[in-house]
């Protein structure tokens, strides 16, 4: 039986990856708050991100769009 706990950190979930995910969300839903971004990433990908990371990814996605 596997007894390791869940790990919510992932080094591949950097701001570049998050900005790509957010671009798709912004196209469909418009702007999102930082807390909403954190909640959505956690629900969809089981990855915990920091507020600072979410804010940077949001700014990157908005610049690209």
C-alpha atoms as a PDB file:
ATOM      1  CA  UNK A   1       0.000   0.000   0.000  1.00  0.00           C
ATOM      2  CA  UNK A   2       1.269   3.499  -0.835  1.00  0.00           C
ATOM      3  CA  UNK A   3       1.504   5.714   2.249  1.00  0.00           C
ATOM      4  CA  UNK A   4       3.219   8.889   1.015  1.00  0.00           C
ATOM      5  CA  UNK A   5       1.381  12.140   1.585  1.00  0.00           C
ATOM      6  CA  UNK A   6       0.259  14.475  -1.179  1.00  0.00           C
ATOM      7  CA  UNK A   7       2.808  16.959  -2.390  1.00  0.00           C
ATOM      8  CA  UNK A   8       1.416  20.196  -3.763  1.00  0.00           C
ATOM      9  CA  UNK A   9       4.711  21.668  -4.986  1.00  0.00           C
ATOM     10  CA  UNK A  10       5.946  21.098  -8.525  1.00  0.00           C
ATOM     11  CA  UNK A  11       9.018  22.744 -10.028  1.00  0.00           C
ATOM     12  CA  UNK A  12       7.504  22.420 -13.515  1.00  0.00           C
ATOM     13  CA  UNK A  13       4.619  24.661 -12.448  1.00  0.00           C
ATOM     14  CA  UNK A  14       6.618  27.820 -13.043  1.00  0.00           C
ATOM     15  CA  UNK A  15       5.258  31.214 -14.054  1.00  0.00           C
ATOM     16  CA  UNK A  16       5.686  30.442 -17.779  1.00  0.00           C
ATOM     17  CA  UNK A  17       3.510  27.336 -17.517  1.00  0.00           C
ATOM     18  CA  UNK A  18       0.957  29.113 -15.338  1.00  0.00           C
ATOM     19  CA  UNK A  19       0.743  32.050 -17.750  1.00  0.00           C
ATOM     20  CA  UNK A  20      -0.117  29.653 -20.598  1.00  0.00           C
ATOM     21  CA  UNK A  21      -2.853  28.079 -18.486  1.00  0.00           C
ATOM     22  CA  UNK A  22      -4.153  31.523 -17.518  1.00  0.00           C
ATOM     23  CA  UNK A  23      -4.239  32.804 -21.101  1.00  0.00           C
ATOM     24  CA  UNK A  24      -6.792  30.134 -21.947  1.00  0.00           C
ATOM     25  CA  UNK A  25      -8.839  31.006 -18.856  1.00  0.00           C
ATOM     26  CA  UNK A  26      -8.711  34.749 -19.582  1.00  0.00           C
ATOM     27  CA  UNK A  27      -9.941  34.130 -23.133  1.00  0.00           C
ATOM     28  CA  UNK A  28     -12.937  32.234 -21.771  1.00  0.00           C
ATOM     29  CA  UNK A  29     -13.720  34.061 -18.521  1.00  0.00           C
ATOM     30  CA  UNK A  30     -11.981  37.441 -18.599  1.00  0.00           C
ATOM     31  CA  UNK A  31      -9.951  38.688 -15.663  1.00  0.00           C
ATOM     32  CA  UNK A  32      -9.573  36.643 -12.486  1.00  0.00           C
ATOM     33  CA  UNK A  33      -8.445  37.551  -8.985  1.00  0.00           C
ATOM     34  CA  UNK A  34      -5.194  36.136  -7.655  1.00  0.00           C
ATOM     35  CA  UNK A  35      -7.060  34.017  -5.090  1.00  0.00           C
ATOM     36  CA  UNK A  36      -9.290  32.589  -7.834  1.00  0.00           C
ATOM     37  CA  UNK A  37      -6.205  31.697  -9.875  1.00  0.00           C
ATOM     38  CA  UNK A  38      -4.643  29.899  -6.902  1.00  0.00           C
ATOM     39  CA  UNK A  39      -7.872  27.987  -6.213  1.00  0.00           C
ATOM     40  CA  UNK A  40      -8.346  26.975  -9.851  1.00  0.00           C
ATOM     41  CA  UNK A  41      -4.758  25.748 -10.274  1.00  0.00           C
ATOM     42  CA  UNK A  42      -5.044  23.759  -7.051  1.00  0.00           C
ATOM     43  CA  UNK A  43      -8.377  22.186  -8.077  1.00  0.00           C
ATOM     44  CA  UNK A  44      -7.460  21.395 -11.688  1.00  0.00           C
ATOM     45  CA  UNK A  45      -3.825  20.345 -11.297  1.00  0.00           C
ATOM     46  CA  UNK A  46      -3.412  19.554  -7.566  1.00  0.00           C
ATOM     47  CA  UNK A  47      -0.543  22.038  -7.409  1.00  0.00           C
ATOM     48  CA  UNK A  48      -0.157  24.645  -4.712  1.00  0.00           C
ATOM     49  CA  UNK A  49       1.221  27.969  -5.925  1.00  0.00           C
ATOM     50  CA  UNK A  50       2.176  31.082  -4.064  1.00  0.00           C
ATOM     51  CA  UNK A  51       0.372  34.396  -4.299  1.00  0.00           C
ATOM     52  CA  UNK A  52       3.517  35.951  -5.768  1.00  0.00           C
ATOM     53  CA  UNK A  53       3.734  33.218  -8.437  1.00  0.00           C
ATOM     54  CA  UNK A  54       0.067  33.624  -9.336  1.00  0.00           C
ATOM     55  CA  UNK A  55       0.480  37.393  -9.600  1.00  0.00           C
ATOM     56  CA  UNK A  56       3.541  37.112 -11.855  1.00  0.00           C
ATOM     57  CA  UNK A  57       1.812  34.563 -14.100  1.00  0.00           C
ATOM     58  CA  UNK A  58      -1.279  36.778 -14.303  1.00  0.00           C
ATOM     59  CA  UNK A  59       0.840  39.779 -15.347  1.00  0.00           C
ATOM     60  CA  UNK A  60       2.657  37.697 -17.980  1.00  0.00           C
ATOM     61  CA  UNK A  61      -0.605  36.373 -19.414  1.00  0.00           C
ATOM     62  CA  UNK A  62      -2.140  39.860 -19.552  1.00  0.00           C
ATOM     63  CA  UNK A  63       0.940  41.226 -21.375  1.00  0.00           C
ATOM     64  CA  UNK A  64       0.779  38.464 -23.971  1.00  0.00           C
ATOM     65  CA  UNK A  65      -2.950  38.945 -24.540  1.00  0.00           C
END
